[in-house]
Amino acid sequence: MRVLRLGPEGVDDAFRAMANGPLFVLADEPWTADRLRSAGLTVDTGAQPPAGHTLVLGIASPLDGLAHLTDRLLGPGGCPWDQEQTHETLKKFLLEEVYEVFEAIDSGDRDHFREELGDLLLQPFLNAQISARDGGFSIQDVAQTITEKLIRRHPHVFGDVTATDTETVLRNWAEIKRLEKKESPRSTLDGVPSAMPALFRALQISKRAAKQGFEWQDYASVLEKLREELAELEEAVAGGDPMRIEAELGDVLFTVVNLARWQRIDPEEALRKMLARFERRYRRMESLAEVPLAGLSAEAWEQLWQTAKADVG
């Protein structure tokens, strides 16, 4: 019995040249049969291939196909651009894909969301394959590591621990994580990545400090602190020292983050949504204006802004 392997590149000319005669695919590989049929080939399926048929073995799943595809791109005869990439050069693409996924979620377009998730999924596959090529871990190792971690950190699901609310789950997670590290952190703030977006990092730092008791008594106290910081910013602006202005503005922003925390609002998400509103309204203004916006008076700007706000929210 002849056996052919259908790789991630699909039904190319080389495969067609070898696929003469009746083809057979095992019933537990429906994805392989679909790929052959979509290429116009006739395929029989079942538990055992009949005599005279060529057995076609494919990739077990699209994820396995993606692993083989990245292997092909990075291997001999692959793509020169992909072969030049390193973990360091891929960092900016990973971040870019994350933000494109955010945008796709906000758009409400499921097809676009699926596409952008695929672009994001490619990044760990590329990084893992680069590592495997250089003698390090593979994508299978990555999957195994996260699987084991999730099992360890969900003893209420996979063990005999009881956790009936989110607070208990998070507390158990933090304790298990601490034990896994096998050492006590030098600071409560250890583990907050410095490369995080500043607003999100500020939220994480303020949450950790608050858990240790570094906290205002109530929301009104946070508002009072904001008024104090705004007054200090005004003094700094009046003094004209750029470094002090920057420092005081940072204090204001951090206090605003704490206001958001007290209201259980993600400040990063709040700002993103505000920017989306502003962009909608500004683009509407551009479409309504009969002259360039730069030539409008202050009164015309305000009138146009109110109209755009009423039109698009």
Protein backbone atom coordinates (compact mmCIF):
# COMPACT_ATOMS: atom_id res chain seq x y z
CA MET A 1 0.00 0.00 0.00
CA ARG A 2 1.33 3.41 -0.98
CA VAL A 3 1.34 6.14 1.64
CA LEU A 4 1.51 9.88 0.96
CA ARG A 5 1.95 12.65 3.50
CA LEU A 6 -0.06 15.84 2.92
CA GLY A 7 2.00 18.65 4.43
CA PRO A 8 0.94 22.14 5.54
CA GLU A 9 1.64 23.50 2.06
CA GLY A 10 -1.41 21.55 0.83
CA VAL A 11 -2.07 20.04 -2.57
CA ASP A 12 0.74 21.46 -4.70
CA ASP A 13 2.05 20.26 -8.06
CA ALA A 14 4.46 17.83 -6.42
CA PHE A 15 1.65 16.19 -4.45
CA ARG A 16 -0.62 15.94 -7.49
CA ALA A 17 2.16 14.22 -9.44
CA MET A 18 2.36 11.48 -6.78
CA ALA A 19 -1.39 11.21 -6.10
CA ASN A 20 -2.24 8.98 -9.05
CA GLY A 21 -4.96 6.41 -8.49
CA PRO A 22 -7.71 6.30 -5.84
CA LEU A 23 -6.98 8.12 -2.58
CA PHE A 24 -8.04 7.11 0.93
CA VAL A 25 -8.06 9.02 4.20
CA LEU A 26 -8.71 7.51 7.63
CA ALA A 27 -12.03 8.53 9.18
CA ASP A 28 -10.32 10.22 12.14
CA GLU A 29 -8.61 12.73 9.81
CA PRO A 30 -11.59 14.66 8.39
CA TRP A 31 -9.51 17.82 8.02
CA THR A 32 -7.17 16.02 5.62
CA ALA A 33 -10.08 14.74 3.53
CA ASP A 34 -11.58 18.25 3.37
CA ARG A 35 -8.29 19.69 2.12
CA LEU A 36 -8.04 17.10 -0.65
CA ARG A 37 -11.65 17.56 -1.74
CA SER A 38 -11.34 21.35 -1.74
CA ALA A 39 -8.45 20.88 -4.18
CA GLY A 40 -10.73 18.91 -6.52
CA LEU A 41 -9.49 15.41 -5.64
CA THR A 42 -11.77 12.43 -5.05
CA VAL A 43 -11.26 10.80 -1.65
CA ASP A 44 -12.68 7.74 0.07
CA THR A 45 -12.73 7.55 3.87
CA GLY A 46 -13.19 4.79 6.42
CA ALA A 47 -11.42 2.64 9.00
CA GLN A 48 -9.19 0.67 6.59
CA PRO A 49 -7.97 1.56 3.08
CA PRO A 50 -9.18 -0.82 0.34
CA ALA A 51 -6.67 -2.61 -1.84
CA GLY A 52 -5.22 -0.46 -4.58
CA HIS A 53 -5.84 2.81 -2.76
CA THR A 54 -3.14 5.28 -1.72
CA LEU A 55 -3.36 6.15 1.96
CA VAL A 56 -2.96 9.89 2.53
CA LEU A 57 -1.82 10.92 5.99
CA GLY A 58 -2.26 14.54 6.90
CA ILE A 59 -1.68 16.90 9.76
CA ALA A 60 -3.77 15.91 12.79
CA SER A 61 -5.23 19.41 13.23
CA PRO A 62 -4.83 22.97 11.97
CA LEU A 63 -2.61 23.70 14.99
CA ASP A 64 -0.26 20.89 13.98
CA GLY A 65 -0.42 22.28 10.46
CA LEU A 66 0.66 25.69 11.72
CA ALA A 67 3.57 24.11 13.61
CA HIS A 68 4.75 22.34 10.46
CA LEU A 69 4.24 25.49 8.42
CA THR A 70 6.45 27.60 10.69
CA ASP A 71 9.02 24.81 10.59
CA ARG A 72 8.97 25.03 6.79
CA LEU A 73 9.25 28.83 6.79
CA LEU A 74 12.24 28.81 9.13
CA GLY A 75 13.94 25.71 7.71
CA PRO A 76 16.08 25.12 4.62
CA GLY A 77 14.41 26.47 1.50
CA GLY A 78 12.03 28.56 3.61
CA CYS A 79 11.38 32.29 3.75
CA PRO A 80 14.47 34.56 3.99
CA TRP A 81 12.57 37.16 6.04
CA ASP A 82 11.31 34.62 8.57
CA GLN A 83 14.75 33.04 8.81
CA GLU A 84 16.29 36.39 9.77
CA GLN A 85 13.94 36.92 12.73
CA THR A 86 14.99 36.54 16.36
CA HIS A 87 13.07 36.68 19.63
CA GLU A 88 14.16 40.32 19.92
CA THR A 89 13.05 41.37 16.43
CA LEU A 90 9.66 39.67 16.88
CA LYS A 91 8.81 41.64 20.05
CA LYS A 92 7.40 44.64 18.18
CA PHE A 93 5.25 42.38 16.00
CA LEU A 94 3.86 40.59 19.05
CA LEU A 95 2.85 43.90 20.62
CA GLU A 96 1.38 45.14 17.35
CA GLU A 97 -0.73 42.00 16.96
CA VAL A 98 -2.05 42.33 20.52
CA TYR A 99 -3.31 45.83 19.82
CA GLU A 100 -4.85 44.73 16.53
CA VAL A 101 -6.75 42.03 18.44
CA PHE A 102 -8.01 44.74 20.83
CA GLU A 103 -9.22 46.76 17.86
CA ALA A 104 -10.93 43.73 16.32
CA ILE A 105 -12.75 43.00 19.60
CA ASP A 106 -14.00 46.57 19.76
CA SER A 107 -15.15 46.44 16.14
CA GLY A 108 -17.61 43.62 16.87
CA ASP A 109 -16.62 41.97 13.56
CA ARG A 110 -16.21 38.26 14.32
CA ASP A 111 -14.46 37.42 11.06
CA HIS A 112 -11.95 40.21 11.63
CA PHE A 113 -11.50 39.06 15.25
CA ARG A 114 -10.79 35.50 14.10
CA GLU A 115 -8.25 36.72 11.56
CA GLU A 116 -6.43 38.90 14.08
CA LEU A 117 -6.37 36.08 16.66
CA GLY A 118 -4.67 33.97 14.00
CA ASP A 119 -2.04 36.66 13.42
CA LEU A 120 -1.43 36.78 17.17
CA LEU A 121 -1.28 32.97 17.41
CA LEU A 122 1.49 32.91 14.82
CA GLN A 123 3.83 34.82 17.14
CA PRO A 124 4.32 32.12 19.84
CA PHE A 125 4.65 29.51 17.09
CA LEU A 126 7.42 31.51 15.41
CA ASN A 127 9.21 32.16 18.70
CA ALA A 128 8.98 28.50 19.73
CA GLN A 129 10.21 27.27 16.35
CA ILE A 130 13.16 29.66 16.46
CA SER A 131 13.98 28.22 19.88
CA ALA A 132 13.62 24.60 18.66
CA ARG A 133 15.77 25.34 15.62
CA ASP A 134 18.52 26.57 17.95
CA GLY A 135 18.26 23.54 20.24
CA GLY A 136 15.82 24.97 22.79
CA PHE A 137 12.16 24.40 23.64
CA SER A 138 9.47 23.64 21.06
CA ILE A 139 5.84 24.68 20.75
CA GLN A 140 4.91 21.31 22.26
CA ASP A 141 7.04 22.17 25.30
CA VAL A 142 5.27 25.53 25.58
CA ALA A 143 1.86 23.85 25.45
CA GLN A 144 2.92 21.23 28.00
CA THR A 145 4.23 23.90 30.39
CA ILE A 146 1.04 25.96 30.38
CA THR A 147 -1.12 22.84 30.66
CA GLU A 148 0.75 21.70 33.77
CA LYS A 149 0.63 25.21 35.25
CA LEU A 150 -3.13 25.52 34.76
CA ILE A 151 -3.71 22.14 36.41
CA ARG A 152 -1.52 23.08 39.39
CA ARG A 153 -3.16 26.46 39.85
CA HIS A 154 -6.72 25.15 39.62
CA PRO A 155 -6.80 22.67 42.50
CA HIS A 156 -10.50 23.51 42.96
CA VAL A 157 -11.10 21.99 39.52
CA PHE A 158 -8.45 19.27 39.24
CA GLY A 159 -7.89 18.54 42.94
CA ASP A 160 -9.73 18.43 46.24
CA VAL A 161 -9.55 22.13 47.17
CA THR A 162 -12.81 24.04 47.58
CA ALA A 163 -13.16 27.52 46.07
CA THR A 164 -16.66 28.89 45.59
CA ASP A 165 -15.85 32.51 44.77
CA THR A 166 -13.39 34.50 42.68
CA GLU A 167 -11.62 36.00 45.69
CA THR A 168 -10.69 32.54 47.01
CA VAL A 169 -9.53 31.43 43.56
CA LEU A 170 -7.24 34.45 43.21
CA ARG A 171 -5.87 34.05 46.73
CA ASN A 172 -5.09 30.36 46.10
CA TRP A 173 -3.53 31.22 42.74
CA ALA A 174 -1.20 33.79 44.34
CA GLU A 175 -0.14 31.37 47.09
CA ILE A 176 0.52 28.52 44.64
CA LYS A 177 2.52 30.88 42.45
CA ARG A 178 4.59 31.98 45.45
CA LEU A 179 5.35 28.37 46.37
CA GLU A 180 6.30 27.56 42.77
CA LYS A 181 8.89 30.34 42.78
CA LYS A 182 10.46 28.70 45.86
CA GLU A 183 11.51 32.06 47.23
CA SER A 184 9.85 35.05 48.80
CA PRO A 185 9.76 38.17 46.63
CA ARG A 186 11.99 41.01 47.79
CA SER A 187 9.10 43.41 47.27
CA THR A 188 5.33 43.30 46.93
CA LEU A 189 5.85 45.03 43.59
CA ASP A 190 8.11 42.31 42.13
CA GLY A 191 6.65 40.73 39.03
CA VAL A 192 4.95 43.79 37.57
CA PRO A 193 6.62 44.06 34.15
CA SER A 194 8.24 47.44 33.51
CA ALA A 195 7.30 47.16 29.81
CA MET A 196 3.56 47.27 30.59
CA PRO A 197 1.58 50.27 29.29
CA ALA A 198 1.96 52.94 31.97
CA LEU A 199 -1.71 53.21 32.96
CA PHE A 200 -2.11 49.45 33.30
CA ARG A 201 1.16 49.17 35.25
CA ALA A 202 0.06 51.97 37.56
CA LEU A 203 -3.16 50.08 38.27
CA GLN A 204 -1.29 46.86 39.09
CA ILE A 205 1.18 48.65 41.36
CA SER A 206 -1.57 50.52 43.21
CA LYS A 207 -3.53 47.28 43.70
CA ARG A 208 -0.52 45.55 45.24
CA ALA A 209 0.29 48.48 47.51
CA ALA A 210 -3.35 48.71 48.64
CA LYS A 211 -3.42 45.02 49.56
CA GLN A 212 -0.59 45.70 52.01
CA GLY A 213 -2.50 48.56 53.66
CA PHE A 214 -1.09 51.52 51.69
CA GLU A 215 -4.56 52.81 50.97
CA TRP A 216 -6.94 55.72 51.43
CA GLN A 217 -9.74 55.40 53.95
CA ASP A 218 -12.49 56.04 51.42
CA TYR A 219 -13.22 57.34 47.93
CA ALA A 220 -13.68 60.89 49.19
CA SER A 221 -10.09 60.83 50.45
CA VAL A 222 -8.86 59.90 46.99
CA LEU A 223 -10.81 62.82 45.50
CA GLU A 224 -9.25 65.14 48.05
CA LYS A 225 -5.81 63.81 47.11
CA LEU A 226 -6.56 64.58 43.45
CA ARG A 227 -7.44 68.18 44.34
CA GLU A 228 -4.17 68.44 46.27
CA GLU A 229 -2.15 67.08 43.33
CA LEU A 230 -3.90 69.43 40.86
CA ALA A 231 -3.02 72.40 43.09
CA GLU A 232 0.62 71.28 43.15
CA LEU A 233 0.56 70.94 39.36
CA GLU A 234 -0.75 74.50 39.04
CA GLU A 235 2.10 75.72 41.27
CA ALA A 236 4.62 73.83 39.14
CA VAL A 237 3.21 75.32 35.92
CA ALA A 238 3.38 78.80 37.45
CA GLY A 239 7.01 78.13 38.41
CA GLY A 240 7.91 77.10 34.87
CA ASP A 241 10.23 74.21 35.80
CA PRO A 242 9.62 71.48 33.16
CA MET A 243 10.97 68.67 35.35
CA ARG A 244 8.73 69.60 38.27
CA ILE A 245 5.73 69.98 35.95
CA GLU A 246 6.36 66.48 34.60
CA ALA A 247 6.66 65.04 38.12
CA GLU A 248 3.48 66.73 39.35
CA LEU A 249 1.57 65.67 36.23
CA GLY A 250 2.69 62.09 36.94
CA ASP A 251 1.30 62.39 40.47
CA VAL A 252 -2.03 63.59 39.07
CA LEU A 253 -2.22 60.69 36.62
CA PHE A 254 -1.38 58.13 39.31
CA THR A 255 -4.08 59.55 41.56
CA VAL A 256 -6.60 59.33 38.71
CA VAL A 257 -5.64 55.67 38.30
CA ASN A 258 -6.46 55.16 41.97
CA LEU A 259 -9.82 56.86 41.48
CA ALA A 260 -10.50 54.34 38.73
CA ARG A 261 -9.41 51.47 40.99
CA TRP A 262 -11.81 52.55 43.70
CA GLN A 263 -14.62 52.50 41.13
CA ARG A 264 -13.47 49.10 39.75
CA ILE A 265 -12.74 50.64 36.36
CA ASP A 266 -9.74 49.76 34.20
CA PRO A 267 -8.19 53.17 33.40
CA GLU A 268 -6.47 51.82 30.27
CA GLU A 269 -9.80 50.58 28.92
CA ALA A 270 -11.56 53.80 29.92
CA LEU A 271 -9.01 55.88 28.04
CA ARG A 272 -9.17 53.63 24.97
CA LYS A 273 -12.94 53.99 24.82
CA MET A 274 -12.71 57.75 25.27
CA LEU A 275 -10.23 57.95 22.38
CA ALA A 276 -12.59 55.89 20.23
CA ARG A 277 -15.40 58.36 21.00
CA PHE A 278 -13.16 61.30 20.23
CA GLU A 279 -12.04 59.76 16.94
CA ARG A 280 -15.63 59.08 15.85
CA ARG A 281 -16.66 62.63 16.64
CA TYR A 282 -13.61 64.23 15.05
CA ARG A 283 -13.98 62.23 11.84
CA ARG A 284 -17.63 63.27 11.76
CA MET A 285 -16.57 66.90 12.12
CA GLU A 286 -14.21 66.50 9.18
CA SER A 287 -17.03 65.11 7.05
CA LEU A 288 -19.46 67.88 8.05
CA ALA A 289 -17.12 70.85 7.72
CA GLU A 290 -17.49 72.83 4.51
CA VAL A 291 -14.06 74.44 4.97
CA PRO A 292 -10.78 73.08 6.43
CA LEU A 293 -11.09 72.69 10.20
CA ALA A 294 -7.99 74.80 10.76
CA GLY A 295 -9.90 77.82 9.42
CA LEU A 296 -12.84 77.60 11.83
CA SER A 297 -13.49 80.06 14.62
CA ALA A 298 -13.77 78.89 18.22
CA GLU A 299 -17.55 79.24 18.02
CA ALA A 300 -17.73 77.20 14.80
CA TRP A 301 -15.52 74.51 16.33
CA GLU A 302 -17.87 74.19 19.32
CA GLN A 303 -21.00 74.11 17.18
CA LEU A 304 -19.52 71.49 14.86
CA TRP A 305 -18.35 69.42 17.83
CA GLN A 306 -21.82 69.41 19.40
CA THR A 307 -23.37 68.38 16.09
CA ALA A 308 -20.88 65.55 15.62
CA LYS A 309 -21.43 64.43 19.20
CA ALA A 310 -25.18 64.24 18.63
CA ASP A 311 -24.69 62.35 15.36
CA VAL A 312 -22.26 59.64 16.44
CA GLY A 313 -22.44 59.65 20.22
